[in-house]
Structures are given as C-alpha cells and as structure tokens.
Protein backbone atom coordinates (compact mmCIF):
# COMPACT_ATOMS: atom_id res chain seq x y z
CA UNK A 1 -3.37 -133.43 -78.29
CA UNK A 2 -2.31 -133.31 -74.63
CA UNK A 3 -3.51 -129.74 -74.27
CA UNK A 4 -6.90 -130.56 -75.82
CA UNK A 5 -7.28 -133.58 -73.55
CA UNK A 6 -6.42 -131.46 -70.52
CA UNK A 7 -9.00 -128.85 -71.54
CA UNK A 8 -11.58 -131.57 -72.08
CA UNK A 9 -10.93 -132.93 -68.59
CA UNK A 10 -11.38 -129.46 -67.11
CA UNK A 11 -14.71 -129.12 -68.90
CA UNK A 12 -15.91 -132.24 -67.07
CA UNK A 13 -15.08 -130.84 -63.63
CA UNK A 14 -17.72 -129.40 -61.34
CA UNK A 15 -17.01 -127.51 -58.10
CA UNK A 16 -19.08 -129.10 -55.34
CA UNK A 17 -20.48 -126.63 -52.86
CA UNK A 18 -19.85 -127.55 -49.21
CA UNK A 19 -22.58 -127.54 -46.61
CA UNK A 20 -20.16 -125.96 -44.14
CA UNK A 21 -19.47 -122.33 -45.07
CA UNK A 22 -16.43 -120.11 -44.42
CA UNK A 23 -18.61 -118.20 -41.96
CA UNK A 24 -19.26 -121.46 -40.09
CA UNK A 25 -15.52 -122.06 -39.80
CA UNK A 26 -14.91 -118.49 -38.68
CA UNK A 27 -17.36 -119.04 -35.84
CA UNK A 28 -15.77 -122.40 -35.00
CA UNK A 29 -12.20 -121.10 -34.82
CA UNK A 30 -13.16 -117.58 -33.69
CA UNK A 31 -10.74 -116.06 -36.18
CA UNK A 32 -10.64 -114.71 -39.70
CA UNK A 33 -8.24 -116.75 -41.85
CA UNK A 34 -5.34 -114.99 -43.56
CA UNK A 35 -2.01 -115.94 -45.12
CA UNK A 36 1.20 -114.37 -43.84
CA UNK A 37 3.66 -114.64 -46.73
CA UNK A 38 7.28 -114.34 -45.57
CA UNK A 39 9.62 -113.62 -48.49
CA UNK A 40 13.35 -112.95 -48.48
CA UNK A 41 16.77 -114.38 -49.21
CA UNK A 42 17.95 -117.77 -48.04
CA UNK A 43 19.24 -117.35 -44.49
CA UNK A 44 17.20 -114.20 -43.87
CA UNK A 45 15.26 -115.85 -41.05
CA UNK A 46 11.94 -116.63 -42.76
CA UNK A 47 11.51 -120.15 -41.38
CA UNK A 48 12.67 -119.17 -37.90
CA UNK A 49 10.13 -116.34 -37.87
CA UNK A 50 7.36 -118.51 -39.33
CA UNK A 51 7.64 -121.26 -36.73
CA UNK A 52 8.07 -118.77 -33.89
CA UNK A 53 4.92 -116.99 -35.06
CA UNK A 54 3.03 -120.28 -35.22
CA UNK A 55 4.04 -121.06 -31.63
CA UNK A 56 3.00 -117.58 -30.49
CA UNK A 57 -0.38 -117.97 -32.19
CA UNK A 58 -0.87 -121.31 -30.45
CA UNK A 59 -0.27 -119.57 -27.12
CA UNK A 60 -2.99 -117.13 -28.13
CA UNK A 61 -5.32 -120.06 -28.95
CA UNK A 62 -5.21 -119.40 -32.69
CA UNK A 63 -5.25 -122.21 -35.25
CA UNK A 64 -2.40 -121.85 -37.74
CA UNK A 65 0.00 -123.88 -39.87
CA UNK A 66 3.38 -123.22 -41.47
CA UNK A 67 4.10 -124.07 -45.10
CA UNK A 68 7.90 -124.08 -45.23
CA UNK A 69 9.90 -124.06 -48.45
CA UNK A 70 12.16 -127.02 -47.70
CA UNK A 71 9.41 -129.05 -46.03
CA UNK A 72 7.06 -128.70 -48.98
CA UNK A 73 9.79 -129.78 -51.40
CA UNK A 74 10.09 -133.08 -49.53
CA UNK A 75 6.59 -134.07 -50.68
CA UNK A 76 4.10 -131.97 -52.64
CA UNK A 77 6.76 -130.23 -54.74
CA UNK A 78 9.46 -132.91 -54.73
CA UNK A 79 9.31 -133.08 -58.54
CA UNK A 80 10.28 -129.42 -58.98
CA UNK A 81 13.76 -127.99 -59.42
CA UNK A 82 14.97 -124.40 -59.13
CA UNK A 83 14.64 -123.08 -62.67
CA UNK A 84 12.54 -119.95 -63.17
CA UNK A 85 9.66 -122.10 -64.44
CA UNK A 86 9.87 -124.55 -61.52
CA UNK A 87 10.05 -121.73 -58.98
CA UNK A 88 6.93 -120.23 -60.53
CA UNK A 89 5.07 -123.54 -60.33
CA UNK A 90 6.32 -124.03 -56.75
CA UNK A 91 4.73 -120.75 -55.68
CA UNK A 92 1.52 -121.39 -57.62
CA UNK A 93 1.01 -124.74 -55.88
CA UNK A 94 1.73 -123.26 -52.47
CA UNK A 95 -0.73 -120.44 -53.07
CA UNK A 96 -3.43 -122.96 -53.99
CA UNK A 97 -2.73 -124.95 -50.81
CA UNK A 98 -2.77 -121.77 -48.72
CA UNK A 99 -6.11 -120.79 -50.26
CA UNK A 100 -7.61 -124.16 -49.36
CA UNK A 101 -6.24 -123.95 -45.82
CA UNK A 102 -7.66 -120.45 -45.45
CA UNK A 103 -10.98 -121.80 -46.69
CA UNK A 104 -10.73 -124.40 -43.92
CA UNK A 105 -10.49 -121.52 -41.44
CA UNK A 106 -6.76 -121.67 -40.67
CA UNK A 107 -4.19 -118.91 -40.47
CA UNK A 108 -1.44 -119.89 -42.94
CA UNK A 109 2.18 -118.84 -42.54
CA UNK A 110 4.47 -119.40 -45.52
CA UNK A 111 8.28 -119.23 -45.61
CA UNK A 112 9.52 -119.13 -49.22
CA UNK A 113 12.23 -117.15 -50.93
CA UNK A 114 9.65 -116.50 -53.69
CA UNK A 115 12.11 -114.23 -55.48
CA UNK A 116 9.90 -112.90 -58.28
CA UNK A 117 7.32 -110.14 -57.78
CA UNK A 118 5.14 -111.57 -60.54
CA UNK A 119 4.92 -114.94 -58.78
CA UNK A 120 4.01 -113.29 -55.48
CA UNK A 121 1.32 -111.29 -57.25
CA UNK A 122 -0.08 -114.53 -58.67
CA UNK A 123 -0.12 -115.91 -55.12
CA UNK A 124 -1.94 -112.77 -53.96
CA UNK A 125 -4.61 -113.23 -56.64
CA UNK A 126 -5.08 -116.93 -55.88
CA UNK A 127 -5.33 -116.42 -52.10
CA UNK A 128 -7.22 -113.14 -52.33
CA UNK A 129 -5.73 -109.70 -51.73
CA UNK A 130 -7.77 -109.22 -48.55
CA UNK A 131 -6.20 -112.36 -47.01
CA UNK A 132 -2.64 -111.95 -48.30
CA UNK A 133 -0.12 -110.27 -45.97
CA UNK A 134 3.28 -109.96 -47.62
CA UNK A 135 6.12 -109.61 -45.10
CA UNK A 136 9.60 -108.90 -46.44
CA UNK A 137 12.36 -110.42 -44.33
CA UNK A 138 14.88 -107.88 -45.55
CA UNK A 139 18.04 -109.16 -43.86
CA UNK A 140 20.96 -108.00 -46.08
CA UNK A 141 22.68 -110.44 -48.43
CA UNK A 142 26.02 -110.06 -46.63
CA UNK A 143 24.44 -111.18 -43.36
CA UNK A 144 22.57 -114.08 -44.99
CA UNK A 145 25.77 -115.22 -46.68
CA UNK A 146 27.69 -115.01 -43.42
CA UNK A 147 25.05 -117.13 -41.68
CA UNK A 148 24.87 -119.63 -44.56
CA UNK A 149 23.05 -122.26 -42.42
CA UNK A 150 23.01 -124.90 -45.18
CA UNK A 151 26.34 -124.06 -46.80
CA UNK A 152 24.44 -123.08 -49.95
CA UNK A 153 26.07 -119.68 -50.46
CA UNK A 154 29.53 -121.21 -50.31
CA UNK A 155 28.52 -123.82 -52.88
CA UNK A 156 26.87 -121.17 -55.07
CA UNK A 157 30.03 -119.03 -54.99
CA UNK A 158 32.00 -122.10 -56.01
CA UNK A 159 29.67 -122.64 -58.96
CA UNK A 160 28.25 -125.86 -57.56
CA UNK A 161 24.67 -124.51 -57.40
CA UNK A 162 23.09 -122.86 -60.41
CA UNK A 163 20.33 -120.25 -60.24
CA UNK A 164 20.93 -119.47 -56.56
CA UNK A 165 18.98 -116.42 -55.44
CA UNK A 166 21.17 -113.46 -54.54
CA UNK A 167 24.23 -114.90 -56.23
CA UNK A 168 23.44 -116.16 -59.72
CA UNK A 169 19.71 -115.46 -59.77
CA UNK A 170 17.89 -112.22 -58.88
CA UNK A 171 15.73 -111.42 -55.88
CA UNK A 172 13.02 -108.83 -56.50
CA UNK A 173 12.13 -107.09 -53.25
CA UNK A 174 8.45 -106.37 -52.55
CA UNK A 175 7.40 -102.90 -53.63
CA UNK A 176 4.77 -102.48 -50.91
CA UNK A 177 4.96 -105.12 -48.13
CA UNK A 178 2.76 -104.77 -45.07
CA UNK A 179 5.94 -105.07 -43.01
CA UNK A 180 9.70 -105.24 -43.54
CA UNK A 181 11.84 -107.05 -40.96
CA UNK A 182 15.64 -107.23 -40.72
CA UNK A 183 16.53 -110.10 -38.39
CA UNK A 184 20.10 -108.82 -38.13
CA UNK A 185 18.81 -105.60 -36.55
CA UNK A 186 16.00 -107.03 -34.40
CA UNK A 187 15.63 -110.27 -32.48
CA UNK A 188 13.08 -112.94 -33.34
CA UNK A 189 10.73 -112.05 -30.47
CA UNK A 190 10.38 -108.35 -31.42
CA UNK A 191 9.93 -109.37 -35.08
CA UNK A 192 7.15 -111.83 -34.18
CA UNK A 193 5.43 -109.21 -32.05
CA UNK A 194 5.63 -106.73 -34.93
CA UNK A 195 3.89 -109.26 -37.20
CA UNK A 196 1.27 -109.94 -34.52
CA UNK A 197 0.52 -106.23 -34.21
CA UNK A 198 -0.50 -106.20 -37.87
CA UNK A 199 -2.04 -109.65 -37.87
CA UNK A 200 -4.29 -109.46 -34.80
CA UNK A 201 -6.72 -106.81 -36.14
CA UNK A 202 -7.08 -108.84 -39.37
CA UNK A 203 -7.92 -112.14 -37.66
CA UNK A 204 -10.05 -110.77 -34.84
CA UNK A 205 -13.75 -111.66 -35.20
C-alpha cells in the first residue's frame, strides 16, 4: 500500500521549468559548474583538502561550496546510520544536492568516505559524468589510523564501533579517479594545486 501511494504521488509531480537557464548562471558566475568528489578513508585528509580548495577557489573569485560528511549528518542526513543501506542513501542524497547546486551554477566540493564503488557510480550518474571529478585521497590506512583525529579507529579496534570503514567494513578504491592524492606524501598546498590544475580547464568559460 505504501509503495503504491508513493508511486501515485510521483505520478502527480511535474518538473517546473525555470526561466533562468544553466547558461544564464554560467554567464553570471563566469564558470562551468562541476563536482569534485573527494573519497578516501577516515583521516585521509578529505575535509582538510576540501575546505582548503574552497578557500583557494574564493581567492580565484570562483563560487564554490563544500558538502562535508560530518556536517551533512548534523542536518539533512541526521536520520541515517552507518549500515550499508544507510551509507548508500547518504551518498544518493548528497549527489542529488550536488546536482542541484551545480544547476545553480556553483562548484561543489564533497568530502565523504563513500566506500562503495557502486554508490559513487550512482552519484556520477545523478550529477552527470561530465561534471563529476572523482579524486581519491589515497593516504594509507596505517597513516589514517595513526592520525585518528576523532579517536574512531581506536574505538573500532576495541569493538565499540561497528561497520567502520577500513577496520570492520571494506573500502573499495576508485578504479579510474581523475587524481590520486596521498596527504602523507604531499602537503595540503601541493595537493590543492594538483586538484586546481585539473579543475581549472573544466570550469573555465
């Protein structure tokens, strides 16, 4: 009954066409919108890179916004846990938000573990392959665990956290990222500049 009602509601929905087009927003912001999707283990440096990239883009007079894993779970995705199903829904919702923000003309930067290739491929399809730049923050597990900024690895090793990526839950590395960055081998500034080198030709009008 619930499924039928949901389908019925969808049948009553109509997408309203805006009077302002994506081309209008491209001219306004003087940039092509894309989504930079940082993926990697907890502690790899995704959020640090994302916010540093946002600041660098601001210096270049580019309009961007970071969707950070922890920040989003405070609000939009506060009802989701960390089961496989909830992680999948978490990424689906973020991809839909990123798509809307790209439609608004913004460069979107995401920082999510997003451990499953299938979920990241769903995000790619939702956002659009031409706008989706997958960056693997490939910092090794041993380094991430040594950093352990939230104490999560220690708790996972003690069995206090279930389904923790890299310990009791798998991480599936990207098969063909546009860029792979190890923050234990390179500093944040060189990593940001490496992302910009790939990003700038994509966003340039």
